[in-house]
Amino acid sequence: MKHVVITGANRGIGLELARIYSQLYPVTAICRSSSNELDAMQHVTVIKDVDMRSWATIQHAIEQCDRKIDLLICNAGIFEGGSTKLGNVSAKSMQEQFLINAVAPLMCVQAALDHLTRDAKIALITSRMGSMADNKSGGYYGYRMSKAALNAAGKSLAIDLAERGIPVAILHPGMVRTEMTGYAGHVTPQEAAEQLAARIDDMRLETSGQFRHARGEILPW
């Protein structure tokens, strides 16, 4: 029986990914705080009070997993408006987004290295807003830069983990109607999660390190 670990699983896309995978496998949900929906799921172990800005806390959360990890989905992320427009860029806001959106996923993978099975997979939930070639509207400095950094980390992880046979997916879920987006978007969390799960299922070493939309197409860096 495979074991799936998902960060940021208490709401939105993470919650729906937990719902999908818990119907198939045991799931460990890592989050800062749980939710009634997550607590009600069967075959889900919730590890809460995990601050994604604390590497020791992340390490401890991974060590609490009671079995090897077959799939690690780094989904936890934040969007803050404090670094949206030029003239209103907040260094503190940018730092928070970098820590949680870019550094924390890398720390999660690093903490999980000795816990991954031989045929494990890693998925990083990123954003098309991290694409430089696709940037046509400017602004959103902290979010764009943090997701571009995550994409760079994902590419390096794909190279470094290839010798272990572990593929890495760098996936944009689309514009999803979640609390993070103010419930503006084109797809529901359930639809996005289903598309992401399909891409994860299709993941192979040959496609490792590619930046893809949840629908499947390759996105520009």
N, C-alpha and C. Protein backbone atom coordinates (compact mmCIF):
# COMPACT_ATOMS: atom_id res chain seq x y z
N MET A 1 0.84 -1.20 0.00
CA MET A 1 0.00 0.00 0.00
C MET A 1 0.88 1.25 0.00
N LYS A 2 0.65 2.14 -0.94
CA LYS A 2 1.47 3.34 -1.04
C LYS A 2 1.07 4.37 0.00
N HIS A 3 1.98 5.28 0.26
CA HIS A 3 1.78 6.31 1.28
C HIS A 3 2.03 7.68 0.63
N VAL A 4 1.06 8.58 0.78
CA VAL A 4 1.12 9.91 0.18
C VAL A 4 1.22 10.95 1.30
N VAL A 5 2.14 11.88 1.15
CA VAL A 5 2.29 12.99 2.09
C VAL A 5 2.00 14.29 1.35
N ILE A 6 1.12 15.11 1.91
CA ILE A 6 0.69 16.36 1.28
C ILE A 6 0.84 17.49 2.27
N THR A 7 1.53 18.56 1.88
CA THR A 7 1.60 19.74 2.73
C THR A 7 0.49 20.71 2.33
N GLY A 8 0.05 21.51 3.31
CA GLY A 8 -1.03 22.45 3.04
C GLY A 8 -2.33 21.75 2.67
N ALA A 9 -2.64 20.68 3.39
CA ALA A 9 -3.77 19.83 3.00
C ALA A 9 -5.07 20.15 3.71
N ASN A 10 -5.13 21.25 4.44
CA ASN A 10 -6.33 21.53 5.24
C ASN A 10 -7.43 22.23 4.47
N ARG A 11 -7.12 22.78 3.28
CA ARG A 11 -8.15 23.49 2.52
C ARG A 11 -7.74 23.54 1.05
N GLY A 12 -8.65 24.03 0.22
CA GLY A 12 -8.35 24.27 -1.19
C GLY A 12 -7.86 23.05 -1.94
N ILE A 13 -6.85 23.26 -2.77
CA ILE A 13 -6.32 22.19 -3.61
C ILE A 13 -5.76 21.05 -2.76
N GLY A 14 -5.05 21.39 -1.70
CA GLY A 14 -4.47 20.36 -0.84
C GLY A 14 -5.51 19.45 -0.23
N LEU A 15 -6.61 20.05 0.20
CA LEU A 15 -7.71 19.26 0.78
C LEU A 15 -8.28 18.30 -0.26
N GLU A 16 -8.47 18.79 -1.48
CA GLU A 16 -9.04 17.94 -2.52
C GLU A 16 -8.06 16.85 -2.96
N LEU A 17 -6.77 17.15 -2.94
CA LEU A 17 -5.78 16.11 -3.22
C LEU A 17 -5.81 15.04 -2.13
N ALA A 18 -5.96 15.47 -0.89
CA ALA A 18 -6.08 14.50 0.21
C ALA A 18 -7.31 13.64 0.03
N ARG A 19 -8.40 14.25 -0.42
CA ARG A 19 -9.64 13.50 -0.62
C ARG A 19 -9.46 12.45 -1.72
N ILE A 20 -8.80 12.82 -2.81
CA ILE A 20 -8.59 11.89 -3.92
C ILE A 20 -7.70 10.73 -3.49
N TYR A 21 -6.54 11.06 -2.90
CA TYR A 21 -5.57 10.00 -2.60
C TYR A 21 -5.99 9.13 -1.42
N SER A 22 -6.77 9.68 -0.49
CA SER A 22 -7.19 8.89 0.67
C SER A 22 -8.18 7.79 0.28
N GLN A 23 -8.77 7.91 -0.91
CA GLN A 23 -9.65 6.85 -1.40
C GLN A 23 -8.85 5.66 -1.94
N LEU A 24 -7.54 5.88 -2.11
CA LEU A 24 -6.67 4.85 -2.67
C LEU A 24 -5.59 4.38 -1.71
N TYR A 25 -5.02 5.33 -0.97
CA TYR A 25 -3.85 5.04 -0.14
C TYR A 25 -3.94 5.76 1.20
N PRO A 26 -3.13 5.34 2.17
CA PRO A 26 -2.99 6.13 3.39
C PRO A 26 -2.35 7.49 3.07
N VAL A 27 -2.87 8.52 3.68
CA VAL A 27 -2.38 9.88 3.43
C VAL A 27 -1.94 10.50 4.75
N THR A 28 -0.80 11.17 4.73
CA THR A 28 -0.40 12.02 5.84
C THR A 28 -0.55 13.46 5.39
N ALA A 29 -1.37 14.22 6.11
CA ALA A 29 -1.65 15.61 5.78
C ALA A 29 -0.88 16.50 6.74
N ILE A 30 0.03 17.30 6.21
CA ILE A 30 0.83 18.22 7.02
C ILE A 30 0.29 19.63 6.85
N CYS A 31 -0.02 20.30 7.95
CA CYS A 31 -0.62 21.63 7.85
C CYS A 31 -0.38 22.42 9.13
N ARG A 32 -0.56 23.71 9.03
CA ARG A 32 -0.41 24.56 10.21
C ARG A 32 -1.59 24.36 11.15
N SER A 33 -2.79 24.31 10.57
CA SER A 33 -3.99 24.01 11.36
C SER A 33 -4.87 23.12 10.52
N SER A 34 -5.61 22.24 11.16
CA SER A 34 -6.47 21.31 10.43
C SER A 34 -7.80 21.98 10.10
N SER A 35 -8.72 21.22 9.55
CA SER A 35 -10.06 21.70 9.24
C SER A 35 -11.04 20.58 9.49
N ASN A 36 -12.30 20.92 9.64
CA ASN A 36 -13.32 19.89 9.88
C ASN A 36 -13.38 18.90 8.73
N GLU A 37 -13.23 19.42 7.50
CA GLU A 37 -13.29 18.54 6.33
C GLU A 37 -12.12 17.55 6.34
N LEU A 38 -10.95 18.02 6.68
CA LEU A 38 -9.78 17.14 6.71
C LEU A 38 -9.89 16.13 7.84
N ASP A 39 -10.33 16.58 9.01
CA ASP A 39 -10.44 15.68 10.16
C ASP A 39 -11.47 14.57 9.92
N ALA A 40 -12.44 14.85 9.05
CA ALA A 40 -13.50 13.87 8.80
C ALA A 40 -13.09 12.79 7.80
N MET A 41 -11.97 12.96 7.14
CA MET A 41 -11.55 12.00 6.12
C MET A 41 -11.00 10.73 6.74
N GLN A 42 -11.34 9.62 6.14
CA GLN A 42 -10.80 8.33 6.55
C GLN A 42 -9.45 8.10 5.88
N HIS A 43 -8.61 7.31 6.53
CA HIS A 43 -7.29 6.94 6.01
C HIS A 43 -6.36 8.15 5.89
N VAL A 44 -6.62 9.18 6.68
CA VAL A 44 -5.77 10.38 6.68
C VAL A 44 -5.25 10.62 8.09
N THR A 45 -3.94 10.73 8.21
CA THR A 45 -3.30 11.12 9.46
C THR A 45 -2.92 12.59 9.36
N VAL A 46 -3.39 13.39 10.29
CA VAL A 46 -3.14 14.83 10.25
C VAL A 46 -2.01 15.18 11.20
N ILE A 47 -1.00 15.85 10.67
CA ILE A 47 0.08 16.40 11.49
C ILE A 47 -0.06 17.92 11.42
N LYS A 48 -0.50 18.52 12.50
CA LYS A 48 -0.78 19.96 12.47
C LYS A 48 0.25 20.72 13.31
N ASP A 49 0.04 22.03 13.38
CA ASP A 49 0.98 22.93 14.07
C ASP A 49 2.34 22.93 13.41
N VAL A 50 2.36 22.75 12.09
CA VAL A 50 3.62 22.76 11.35
C VAL A 50 3.81 24.13 10.70
N ASP A 51 4.79 24.85 11.16
CA ASP A 51 5.12 26.17 10.62
C ASP A 51 6.11 25.97 9.47
N MET A 52 5.68 26.29 8.24
CA MET A 52 6.52 26.05 7.08
C MET A 52 7.71 26.99 7.00
N ARG A 53 7.81 27.91 7.94
CA ARG A 53 8.99 28.79 8.02
C ARG A 53 10.05 28.21 8.97
N SER A 54 9.74 27.09 9.59
CA SER A 54 10.64 26.49 10.57
C SER A 54 11.16 25.16 10.04
N TRP A 55 12.45 25.10 9.72
CA TRP A 55 12.99 23.87 9.14
C TRP A 55 12.99 22.74 10.15
N ALA A 56 13.20 23.03 11.41
CA ALA A 56 13.17 22.00 12.44
C ALA A 56 11.76 21.41 12.56
N THR A 57 10.75 22.25 12.43
CA THR A 57 9.36 21.78 12.51
C THR A 57 9.03 20.91 11.31
N ILE A 58 9.49 21.30 10.14
CA ILE A 58 9.27 20.50 8.93
C ILE A 58 9.94 19.14 9.08
N GLN A 59 11.18 19.14 9.55
CA GLN A 59 11.91 17.88 9.76
C GLN A 59 11.16 16.98 10.74
N HIS A 60 10.68 17.56 11.82
CA HIS A 60 9.96 16.78 12.82
C HIS A 60 8.67 16.20 12.25
N ALA A 61 7.98 16.98 11.41
CA ALA A 61 6.74 16.49 10.81
C ALA A 61 7.00 15.29 9.91
N ILE A 62 8.04 15.37 9.11
CA ILE A 62 8.39 14.24 8.23
C ILE A 62 8.77 13.02 9.04
N GLU A 63 9.49 13.23 10.13
CA GLU A 63 9.91 12.12 10.97
C GLU A 63 8.73 11.45 11.68
N GLN A 64 7.62 12.17 11.81
CA GLN A 64 6.43 11.59 12.43
C GLN A 64 5.69 10.62 11.51
N CYS A 65 6.00 10.64 10.22
CA CYS A 65 5.36 9.70 9.30
C CYS A 65 5.76 8.28 9.70
N ASP A 66 4.79 7.43 9.83
CA ASP A 66 5.05 6.09 10.36
C ASP A 66 5.40 5.06 9.29
N ARG A 67 5.61 5.53 8.06
CA ARG A 67 6.00 4.62 7.00
C ARG A 67 6.73 5.40 5.91
N LYS A 68 7.38 4.69 5.00
CA LYS A 68 8.09 5.32 3.90
C LYS A 68 7.12 6.11 3.02
N ILE A 69 7.66 7.07 2.28
CA ILE A 69 6.84 7.96 1.47
C ILE A 69 6.97 7.58 0.00
N ASP A 70 5.83 7.33 -0.64
CA ASP A 70 5.82 7.01 -2.07
C ASP A 70 5.56 8.25 -2.93
N LEU A 71 4.81 9.18 -2.38
CA LEU A 71 4.51 10.42 -3.11
C LEU A 71 4.50 11.58 -2.14
N LEU A 72 5.34 12.57 -2.43
CA LEU A 72 5.40 13.79 -1.62
C LEU A 72 4.89 14.94 -2.48
N ILE A 73 3.80 15.57 -2.04
CA ILE A 73 3.23 16.70 -2.75
C ILE A 73 3.43 17.96 -1.91
N CYS A 74 4.29 18.85 -2.38
CA CYS A 74 4.55 20.11 -1.68
C CYS A 74 3.58 21.15 -2.22
N ASN A 75 2.49 21.32 -1.51
CA ASN A 75 1.40 22.17 -1.96
C ASN A 75 1.27 23.46 -1.15
N ALA A 76 1.75 23.47 0.08
CA ALA A 76 1.57 24.64 0.94
C ALA A 76 2.17 25.88 0.30
N GLY A 77 1.43 26.97 0.35
CA GLY A 77 1.91 28.22 -0.22
C GLY A 77 1.07 29.39 0.25
N ILE A 78 1.58 30.59 0.04
CA ILE A 78 0.84 31.79 0.41
C ILE A 78 0.95 32.83 -0.71
N PHE A 79 -0.05 33.69 -0.74
CA PHE A 79 -0.02 34.87 -1.60
C PHE A 79 -0.31 36.06 -0.72
N GLU A 80 0.58 37.05 -0.77
CA GLU A 80 0.38 38.27 0.02
C GLU A 80 0.38 39.48 -0.91
N GLY A 81 -0.55 40.38 -0.66
CA GLY A 81 -0.67 41.56 -1.51
C GLY A 81 0.34 42.64 -1.22
N GLY A 82 1.15 42.48 -0.18
CA GLY A 82 2.07 43.53 0.22
C GLY A 82 3.20 43.78 -0.77
N SER A 83 3.42 42.89 -1.72
CA SER A 83 4.47 43.10 -2.71
C SER A 83 3.89 42.98 -4.12
N THR A 84 2.67 43.49 -4.27
CA THR A 84 1.96 43.36 -5.54
C THR A 84 2.36 44.43 -6.54
N LYS A 85 2.31 45.70 -6.14
CA LYS A 85 2.53 46.80 -7.08
C LYS A 85 3.81 47.55 -6.75
N LEU A 86 4.50 47.98 -7.79
CA LEU A 86 5.70 48.79 -7.61
C LEU A 86 5.34 50.08 -6.87
N GLY A 87 6.13 50.41 -5.88
CA GLY A 87 5.83 51.54 -5.02
C GLY A 87 5.22 51.10 -3.72
N ASN A 88 4.74 49.84 -3.70
CA ASN A 88 4.13 49.30 -2.49
C ASN A 88 4.75 47.95 -2.13
N VAL A 89 5.97 47.72 -2.61
CA VAL A 89 6.63 46.44 -2.36
C VAL A 89 7.12 46.38 -0.92
N SER A 90 6.72 45.30 -0.24
CA SER A 90 7.10 45.10 1.16
C SER A 90 8.15 44.00 1.25
N ALA A 91 9.31 44.35 1.81
CA ALA A 91 10.36 43.36 1.96
C ALA A 91 9.92 42.22 2.87
N LYS A 92 9.18 42.54 3.92
CA LYS A 92 8.71 41.51 4.84
C LYS A 92 7.76 40.55 4.13
N SER A 93 6.86 41.09 3.32
CA SER A 93 5.93 40.25 2.58
C SER A 93 6.67 39.35 1.60
N MET A 94 7.66 39.91 0.92
CA MET A 94 8.44 39.11 -0.02
C MET A 94 9.19 37.99 0.69
N GLN A 95 9.75 38.32 1.84
CA GLN A 95 10.49 37.32 2.61
C GLN A 95 9.58 36.16 3.02
N GLU A 96 8.37 36.49 3.50
CA GLU A 96 7.42 35.45 3.89
C GLU A 96 7.09 34.53 2.72
N GLN A 97 6.84 35.14 1.56
CA GLN A 97 6.48 34.34 0.39
C GLN A 97 7.65 33.48 -0.08
N PHE A 98 8.85 34.01 -0.03
CA PHE A 98 10.02 33.22 -0.40
C PHE A 98 10.20 32.03 0.54
N LEU A 99 10.07 32.28 1.84
CA LEU A 99 10.27 31.21 2.81
C LEU A 99 9.27 30.08 2.61
N ILE A 100 8.00 30.45 2.46
CA ILE A 100 6.94 29.44 2.40
C ILE A 100 6.77 28.85 1.01
N ASN A 101 6.86 29.67 -0.03
CA ASN A 101 6.61 29.19 -1.39
C ASN A 101 7.81 28.52 -2.04
N ALA A 102 9.03 28.96 -1.69
CA ALA A 102 10.21 28.45 -2.37
C ALA A 102 11.14 27.63 -1.48
N VAL A 103 11.46 28.15 -0.30
CA VAL A 103 12.43 27.46 0.55
C VAL A 103 11.80 26.25 1.25
N ALA A 104 10.60 26.41 1.77
CA ALA A 104 9.96 25.32 2.52
C ALA A 104 9.79 24.05 1.69
N PRO A 105 9.34 24.11 0.42
CA PRO A 105 9.25 22.87 -0.35
C PRO A 105 10.59 22.15 -0.49
N LEU A 106 11.65 22.94 -0.71
CA LEU A 106 12.97 22.32 -0.80
C LEU A 106 13.36 21.66 0.52
N MET A 107 13.05 22.32 1.64
CA MET A 107 13.35 21.75 2.95
C MET A 107 12.52 20.48 3.19
N CYS A 108 11.29 20.47 2.70
CA CYS A 108 10.45 19.26 2.83
C CYS A 108 11.08 18.09 2.09
N VAL A 109 11.52 18.35 0.86
CA VAL A 109 12.15 17.29 0.08
C VAL A 109 13.42 16.82 0.77
N GLN A 110 14.23 17.75 1.23
CA GLN A 110 15.48 17.39 1.89
C GLN A 110 15.22 16.56 3.15
N ALA A 111 14.20 16.96 3.92
CA ALA A 111 13.86 16.22 5.13
C ALA A 111 13.37 14.81 4.81
N ALA A 112 12.76 14.66 3.62
CA ALA A 112 12.16 13.38 3.26
C ALA A 112 13.11 12.42 2.55
N LEU A 113 14.32 12.86 2.24
CA LEU A 113 15.23 12.05 1.41
C LEU A 113 15.40 10.63 1.92
N ASP A 114 15.61 10.46 3.22
CA ASP A 114 15.84 9.13 3.78
C ASP A 114 14.54 8.36 4.00
N HIS A 115 13.41 8.99 3.71
CA HIS A 115 12.11 8.35 3.94
C HIS A 115 11.41 7.98 2.64
N LEU A 116 12.02 8.30 1.50
CA LEU A 116 11.40 8.02 0.21
C LEU A 116 11.63 6.58 -0.22
N THR A 117 10.61 5.97 -0.80
CA THR A 117 10.75 4.63 -1.34
C THR A 117 11.57 4.68 -2.64
N ARG A 118 11.93 3.53 -3.15
CA ARG A 118 12.78 3.46 -4.34
C ARG A 118 12.05 3.94 -5.59
N ASP A 119 10.72 3.87 -5.60
CA ASP A 119 9.95 4.34 -6.76
C ASP A 119 9.10 5.57 -6.41
N ALA A 120 9.62 6.39 -5.52
CA ALA A 120 8.88 7.57 -5.07
C ALA A 120 8.76 8.62 -6.17
N LYS A 121 7.79 9.51 -5.96
CA LYS A 121 7.59 10.66 -6.84
C LYS A 121 7.46 11.92 -5.97
N ILE A 122 7.87 13.06 -6.55
CA ILE A 122 7.74 14.34 -5.87
C ILE A 122 7.00 15.31 -6.78
N ALA A 123 6.03 16.02 -6.24
CA ALA A 123 5.29 17.02 -7.01
C ALA A 123 5.35 18.36 -6.28
N LEU A 124 5.75 19.39 -6.99
CA LEU A 124 5.78 20.75 -6.46
C LEU A 124 4.64 21.53 -7.10
N ILE A 125 3.75 22.07 -6.28
CA ILE A 125 2.64 22.86 -6.81
C ILE A 125 3.10 24.31 -6.88
N THR A 126 3.30 24.78 -8.10
CA THR A 126 3.85 26.09 -8.33
C THR A 126 2.79 26.98 -8.97
N SER A 127 3.21 27.93 -9.78
CA SER A 127 2.27 28.83 -10.45
C SER A 127 2.84 29.30 -11.77
N ARG A 128 1.97 29.49 -12.72
CA ARG A 128 2.35 30.08 -14.00
C ARG A 128 2.90 31.49 -13.82
N MET A 129 2.55 32.11 -12.69
CA MET A 129 3.05 33.45 -12.41
C MET A 129 4.55 33.45 -12.13
N GLY A 130 5.14 32.28 -11.98
CA GLY A 130 6.58 32.18 -11.84
C GLY A 130 7.30 32.14 -13.18
N SER A 131 6.53 32.15 -14.27
CA SER A 131 7.13 32.13 -15.61
C SER A 131 7.53 33.54 -16.01
N MET A 132 8.77 33.72 -16.45
CA MET A 132 9.22 35.03 -16.94
C MET A 132 8.74 35.27 -18.36
N ALA A 133 8.75 34.22 -19.19
CA ALA A 133 8.31 34.37 -20.58
C ALA A 133 6.82 34.67 -20.67
N ASP A 134 6.06 34.21 -19.69
CA ASP A 134 4.61 34.36 -19.72
C ASP A 134 4.13 35.64 -19.01
N ASN A 135 5.06 36.39 -18.43
CA ASN A 135 4.69 37.59 -17.67
C ASN A 135 4.34 38.73 -18.62
N LYS A 136 3.04 39.01 -18.74
CA LYS A 136 2.58 40.07 -19.63
C LYS A 136 1.95 41.23 -18.86
N SER A 137 1.83 41.09 -17.54
CA SER A 137 1.09 42.10 -16.78
C SER A 137 1.91 42.75 -15.67
N GLY A 138 3.12 42.24 -15.37
CA GLY A 138 3.96 42.84 -14.36
C GLY A 138 3.41 42.68 -12.95
N GLY A 139 3.99 43.42 -12.01
CA GLY A 139 3.53 43.40 -10.63
C GLY A 139 3.68 42.06 -9.93
N TYR A 140 2.99 41.93 -8.80
CA TYR A 140 2.99 40.69 -8.02
C TYR A 140 4.41 40.20 -7.74
N TYR A 141 5.26 41.11 -7.30
CA TYR A 141 6.70 40.83 -7.20
C TYR A 141 7.01 39.66 -6.28
N GLY A 142 6.49 39.67 -5.08
CA GLY A 142 6.82 38.61 -4.14
C GLY A 142 6.36 37.25 -4.60
N TYR A 143 5.13 37.18 -5.09
CA TYR A 143 4.58 35.89 -5.51
C TYR A 143 5.29 35.38 -6.75
N ARG A 144 5.44 36.25 -7.76
CA ARG A 144 6.12 35.84 -8.99
C ARG A 144 7.54 35.35 -8.70
N MET A 145 8.28 36.14 -7.94
CA MET A 145 9.68 35.79 -7.67
C MET A 145 9.80 34.52 -6.84
N SER A 146 8.91 34.33 -5.88
CA SER A 146 8.98 33.12 -5.05
C SER A 146 8.66 31.87 -5.86
N LYS A 147 7.70 31.98 -6.78
CA LYS A 147 7.35 30.82 -7.61
C LYS A 147 8.41 30.55 -8.67
N ALA A 148 9.06 31.60 -9.18
CA ALA A 148 10.17 31.39 -10.10
C ALA A 148 11.31 30.67 -9.38
N ALA A 149 11.54 31.03 -8.12
CA ALA A 149 12.57 30.36 -7.33
C ALA A 149 12.20 28.90 -7.09
N LEU A 150 10.93 28.63 -6.83
CA LEU A 150 10.48 27.24 -6.65
C LEU A 150 10.69 26.44 -7.93
N ASN A 151 10.40 27.06 -9.08
CA ASN A 151 10.62 26.37 -10.35
C ASN A 151 12.09 26.01 -10.53
N ALA A 152 12.97 26.95 -10.16
CA ALA A 152 14.41 26.68 -10.27
C ALA A 152 14.82 25.53 -9.34
N ALA A 153 14.27 25.52 -8.15
CA ALA A 153 14.56 24.42 -7.22
C ALA A 153 14.07 23.09 -7.77
N GLY A 154 12.88 23.11 -8.36
CA GLY A 154 12.33 21.89 -8.93
C GLY A 154 13.19 21.32 -10.04
N LYS A 155 13.72 22.20 -10.88
CA LYS A 155 14.59 21.75 -11.97
C LYS A 155 15.86 21.11 -11.42
N SER A 156 16.45 21.74 -10.41
CA SER A 156 17.66 21.16 -9.80
C SER A 156 17.35 19.84 -9.11
N LEU A 157 16.22 19.77 -8.43
CA LEU A 157 15.84 18.51 -7.78
C LEU A 157 15.69 17.39 -8.79
N ALA A 158 15.10 17.70 -9.94
CA ALA A 158 14.92 16.68 -10.98
C ALA A 158 16.26 16.13 -11.43
N ILE A 159 17.26 17.00 -11.54
CA ILE A 159 18.61 16.56 -11.94
C ILE A 159 19.27 15.76 -10.83
N ASP A 160 19.19 16.27 -9.61
CA ASP A 160 19.88 15.63 -8.49
C ASP A 160 19.26 14.30 -8.09
N LEU A 161 17.96 14.13 -8.31
CA LEU A 161 17.28 12.90 -7.89
C LEU A 161 17.16 11.87 -9.01
N ALA A 162 17.61 12.23 -10.20
CA ALA A 162 17.49 11.31 -11.34
C ALA A 162 18.25 10.01 -11.09
N GLU A 163 19.42 10.11 -10.47
CA GLU A 163 20.22 8.90 -10.22
C GLU A 163 19.54 7.97 -9.23
N ARG A 164 18.61 8.51 -8.45
CA ARG A 164 17.85 7.66 -7.53
C ARG A 164 16.54 7.17 -8.16
N GLY A 165 16.29 7.59 -9.39
CA GLY A 165 15.08 7.16 -10.08
C GLY A 165 13.82 7.85 -9.61
N ILE A 166 13.97 9.04 -9.02
CA ILE A 166 12.82 9.77 -8.47
C ILE A 166 12.49 10.95 -9.37
N PRO A 167 11.33 10.93 -10.04
CA PRO A 167 10.94 12.06 -10.89
C PRO A 167 10.32 13.19 -10.09
N VAL A 168 10.46 14.40 -10.62
CA VAL A 168 9.94 15.60 -9.97
C VAL A 168 9.02 16.33 -10.94
N ALA A 169 7.80 16.59 -10.52
CA ALA A 169 6.85 17.35 -11.33
C ALA A 169 6.77 18.78 -10.80
N ILE A 170 6.75 19.74 -11.72
CA ILE A 170 6.60 21.16 -11.38
C ILE A 170 5.28 21.59 -12.02
N LEU A 171 4.22 21.72 -11.22
CA LEU A 171 2.87 21.79 -11.76
C LEU A 171 2.13 23.07 -11.39
N HIS A 172 1.55 23.70 -12.41
CA HIS A 172 0.66 24.86 -12.24
C HIS A 172 -0.77 24.36 -12.24
N PRO A 173 -1.54 24.62 -11.18
CA PRO A 173 -2.90 24.06 -11.10
C PRO A 173 -3.95 24.81 -11.90
N GLY A 174 -3.58 25.96 -12.46
CA GLY A 174 -4.57 26.82 -13.09
C GLY A 174 -5.03 27.89 -12.12
N MET A 175 -5.90 28.75 -12.59
CA MET A 175 -6.47 29.79 -11.74
C MET A 175 -7.64 29.15 -10.98
N VAL A 176 -7.42 28.85 -9.72
CA VAL A 176 -8.36 28.03 -8.95
C VAL A 176 -9.14 28.89 -7.97
N ARG A 177 -10.41 28.60 -7.83
CA ARG A 177 -11.28 29.36 -6.93
C ARG A 177 -11.05 28.90 -5.49
N THR A 178 -10.08 29.53 -4.84
CA THR A 178 -9.76 29.20 -3.45
C THR A 178 -9.71 30.48 -2.62
N GLU A 179 -9.53 30.29 -1.32
CA GLU A 179 -9.40 31.46 -0.44
C GLU A 179 -8.20 32.31 -0.84
N MET A 180 -7.12 31.67 -1.31
CA MET A 180 -5.92 32.40 -1.70
C MET A 180 -6.20 33.37 -2.84
N THR A 181 -7.06 32.99 -3.77
CA THR A 181 -7.35 33.83 -4.93
C THR A 181 -8.59 34.70 -4.72
N GLY A 182 -9.11 34.70 -3.49
CA GLY A 182 -10.35 35.44 -3.26
C GLY A 182 -11.54 34.80 -3.97
N TYR A 183 -11.41 33.49 -4.22
CA TYR A 183 -12.44 32.69 -4.89
C TYR A 183 -12.71 33.17 -6.32
N ALA A 184 -11.71 33.81 -6.92
CA ALA A 184 -11.77 34.13 -8.34
C ALA A 184 -10.95 33.08 -9.07
N GLY A 185 -11.45 32.61 -10.20
CA GLY A 185 -10.71 31.60 -10.93
C GLY A 185 -11.57 30.90 -11.94
N HIS A 186 -10.92 30.00 -12.69
CA HIS A 186 -11.60 29.30 -13.78
C HIS A 186 -11.98 27.87 -13.43
N VAL A 187 -11.34 27.30 -12.42
CA VAL A 187 -11.61 25.91 -12.07
C VAL A 187 -11.83 25.78 -10.56
N THR A 188 -12.53 24.77 -10.16
CA THR A 188 -12.74 24.50 -8.74
C THR A 188 -11.54 23.76 -8.18
N PRO A 189 -11.36 23.78 -6.85
CA PRO A 189 -10.28 23.00 -6.26
C PRO A 189 -10.36 21.51 -6.63
N GLN A 190 -11.57 20.98 -6.69
CA GLN A 190 -11.74 19.57 -7.04
C GLN A 190 -11.26 19.30 -8.46
N GLU A 191 -11.63 20.17 -9.40
CA GLU A 191 -11.20 20.00 -10.79
C GLU A 191 -9.68 20.11 -10.90
N ALA A 192 -9.12 21.08 -10.22
CA ALA A 192 -7.66 21.26 -10.26
C ALA A 192 -6.95 20.05 -9.68
N ALA A 193 -7.45 19.55 -8.55
CA ALA A 193 -6.82 18.39 -7.90
C ALA A 193 -6.89 17.16 -8.79
N GLU A 194 -8.01 16.96 -9.47
CA GLU A 194 -8.14 15.81 -10.37
C GLU A 194 -7.14 15.89 -11.51
N GLN A 195 -6.96 17.09 -12.06
CA GLN A 195 -6.00 17.27 -13.15
C GLN A 195 -4.57 17.07 -12.65
N LEU A 196 -4.28 17.61 -11.48
CA LEU A 196 -2.94 17.43 -10.90
C LEU A 196 -2.64 15.96 -10.64
N ALA A 197 -3.61 15.24 -10.10
CA ALA A 197 -3.41 13.82 -9.81
C ALA A 197 -3.15 13.04 -11.10
N ALA A 198 -3.80 13.44 -12.18
CA ALA A 198 -3.57 12.78 -13.46
C ALA A 198 -2.15 13.03 -13.96
N ARG A 199 -1.66 14.25 -13.78
CA ARG A 199 -0.29 14.56 -14.20
C ARG A 199 0.72 13.81 -13.34
N ILE A 200 0.44 13.71 -12.05
CA ILE A 200 1.34 12.97 -11.15
C ILE A 200 1.37 11.50 -11.52
N ASP A 201 0.22 10.96 -11.87
CA ASP A 201 0.15 9.55 -12.27
C ASP A 201 0.95 9.30 -13.54
N ASP A 202 0.95 10.29 -14.45
CA ASP A 202 1.67 10.17 -15.72
C ASP A 202 3.17 10.42 -15.58
N MET A 203 3.60 10.94 -14.43
CA MET A 203 4.99 11.37 -14.27
C MET A 203 5.97 10.22 -14.47
N ARG A 204 7.01 10.49 -15.25
CA ARG A 204 8.09 9.53 -15.49
C ARG A 204 9.42 10.26 -15.42
N LEU A 205 10.51 9.51 -15.32
CA LEU A 205 11.83 10.15 -15.31
C LEU A 205 12.07 10.95 -16.58
N GLU A 206 11.49 10.48 -17.69
CA GLU A 206 11.69 11.16 -18.97
C GLU A 206 11.06 12.55 -18.98
N THR A 207 10.07 12.77 -18.14
CA THR A 207 9.39 14.07 -18.10
C THR A 207 9.73 14.84 -16.83
N SER A 208 10.64 14.31 -16.02
CA SER A 208 10.99 14.94 -14.75
C SER A 208 11.59 16.32 -14.99
N GLY A 209 11.20 17.28 -14.15
CA GLY A 209 11.75 18.62 -14.25
C GLY A 209 11.07 19.53 -15.23
N GLN A 210 10.02 19.03 -15.90
CA GLN A 210 9.27 19.88 -16.82
C GLN A 210 8.26 20.73 -16.05
N PHE A 211 8.04 21.93 -16.54
CA PHE A 211 7.08 22.88 -15.97
C PHE A 211 5.79 22.73 -16.76
N ARG A 212 4.77 22.18 -16.11
CA ARG A 212 3.54 21.85 -16.83
C ARG A 212 2.29 22.44 -16.19
N HIS A 213 1.32 22.71 -17.03
CA HIS A 213 -0.02 23.06 -16.57
C HIS A 213 -0.69 21.77 -16.10
N ALA A 214 -1.61 21.89 -15.17
CA ALA A 214 -2.34 20.70 -14.70
C ALA A 214 -3.07 19.99 -15.85
N ARG A 215 -3.38 20.74 -16.91
CA ARG A 215 -4.04 20.13 -18.07
C ARG A 215 -3.07 19.26 -18.88
N GLY A 216 -1.78 19.52 -18.70
CA GLY A 216 -0.79 18.69 -19.38
C GLY A 216 0.23 19.40 -20.23
N GLU A 217 -0.10 20.59 -20.76
CA GLU A 217 0.83 21.25 -21.68
C GLU A 217 2.05 21.79 -20.93
N ILE A 218 3.17 21.80 -21.63
CA ILE A 218 4.41 22.35 -21.09
C ILE A 218 4.32 23.88 -21.09
N LEU A 219 4.73 24.50 -20.00
CA LEU A 219 4.69 25.94 -19.86
C LEU A 219 6.09 26.53 -20.07
N PRO A 220 6.17 27.76 -20.53
CA PRO A 220 7.48 28.40 -20.72
C PRO A 220 8.07 28.84 -19.39
N TRP A 221 9.38 28.78 -19.30
CA TRP A 221 10.04 29.24 -18.09
C TRP A 221 10.00 30.76 -18.01
